[in-house]
Amino acid sequence: MDFIISSEIKYIILFSILILVPKVLLRFRIPIGISSLALGAITGISLGWFQDDQLVDVLAKLGITTLFLFAGMEVEVEEIKKDFPTISKFLFKTLLLIFFAAFIFTKVLDLDYRPALILSIGVLTPSAGFILNSLKLFQFKPTEEYWIKSQAISKEIVAIFIMFVALQSGDLKSFLISKAVLLLLIFSLPIIFKVFLKFIAPYAPKTEVSFLILVAFIAGVITKKIGTYYLVGAFIAGVVAGQFKHFIESEESDRILNSLSSFFAIFVPFYFFSSGLKITTDFFTMKGLIIGLLLFLFMIPTRVGLLTYSIKKYLSEFWDDRKAISISLMPTLIFGLVMMSILKEKFNVDTNILSGLVIYTVLASLVPSIVFQKAPPEAFDTSTL
């Protein structure tokens, strides 16, 4: 079949299916990320197409970096500062759970502490980009959306930090070099944005989106080169960009954010598709299924229970919103797949564990679609993951 169908035809088929099919399945409350992941797995296993394909790889990187650029720009520093006393209490319990789960994984799954910690992050970290875009599918009150957004973003920030430390802690020299590069990136990005807004943007109208995507992509490549992952650099670029009023509060901000949203709506499915290509027949084992189901049966009630307890203790005035806040924070699709890739590429973790992680993260990411009432048709948006 590979000898009959040319590469151009394969790409036409890929773009046609990946752009249309997940949008159709969205009407049945199947998130685009999950349907794209399934399409990638089916394509890789049944046809063997696009394995190690450079174009698909680049499109996937554009998708994930743009998504985390957008997520970073959603970080409202002033709001986090205002509610930090409350948010920090939630984060402290989350941190305890991450390290406790990692300890359990070292004993039960016989993992070293670094891959165990990475696995724990993949299992327990809500994927902010996925969650924020999925909110359009359901009917939530503004207060519910605010706390869902605050919790998802703050936990994602903590998870990114832990991931960076876990990936670099094996070698002190590498850790110090990576930390220096990361600090250099953080301090140089504001200068880069200032130069752009002063000397380029006034003379090149409507180039903000292209520039943001370019900076996020380069930042992602830099953090990948120092041994972390693309999402770290892209997220940092987004957080820094979000501090400039031109990008989020000016007359142009709506156009910029809408354009970014439209851009990653096109390219993020390629990231999930690319992740699906990494799922081989080795993933389909009874042991992997058992690990995934056990993670789901133990971790979902634990996470929901911890969040519900924390809401009762620290946000008692939002007790009526506990179900919306707790259940909405269950999806871990993006972090689950990113951690799966890291565990596979850097630590060569057993395929059964990787399979279990994928099964768990897919099931966890479907929970809100099963529990919550569907929003009216006009609420649907093509950017929903």
Foldseek 3Di string as FASTA:
>chain_A
DPVVDDPVNVVVVVLVCLQPVLVVCVVVVQFSLVVLLQLLQCCCAVPVPPDVPPVLVVLLLLLLLLLLLLLLLPDDPVVCVVCVVLLVVLLVVLVVQLQVQLVVCCVPVVDDSLLSSLLSLLQRQFQLSQLLLCPLFFDDDPVLSVLLNSNNSVSVVVSLVVQLCSQQVVDPVLNVVLVVVVVVLLVCLLVVVVCCVPPPCVPPPPCVLVVLSVQLSVQLVVNVVSGGGSSSRSNSSSNSVSVDCVCCPDPCNVVNSVVSLVSSLSRNSSSSSVLSSPDYPQLPDPLLVVLQVVSQVPVLVVQLVSQLVSCVVRVVVCNVSSVSSRLSRQASQVSLSVSLVCCCPPVVRDSSPSSSSNSNNSVSNSRCSVPGDTDPPVSDDSSND
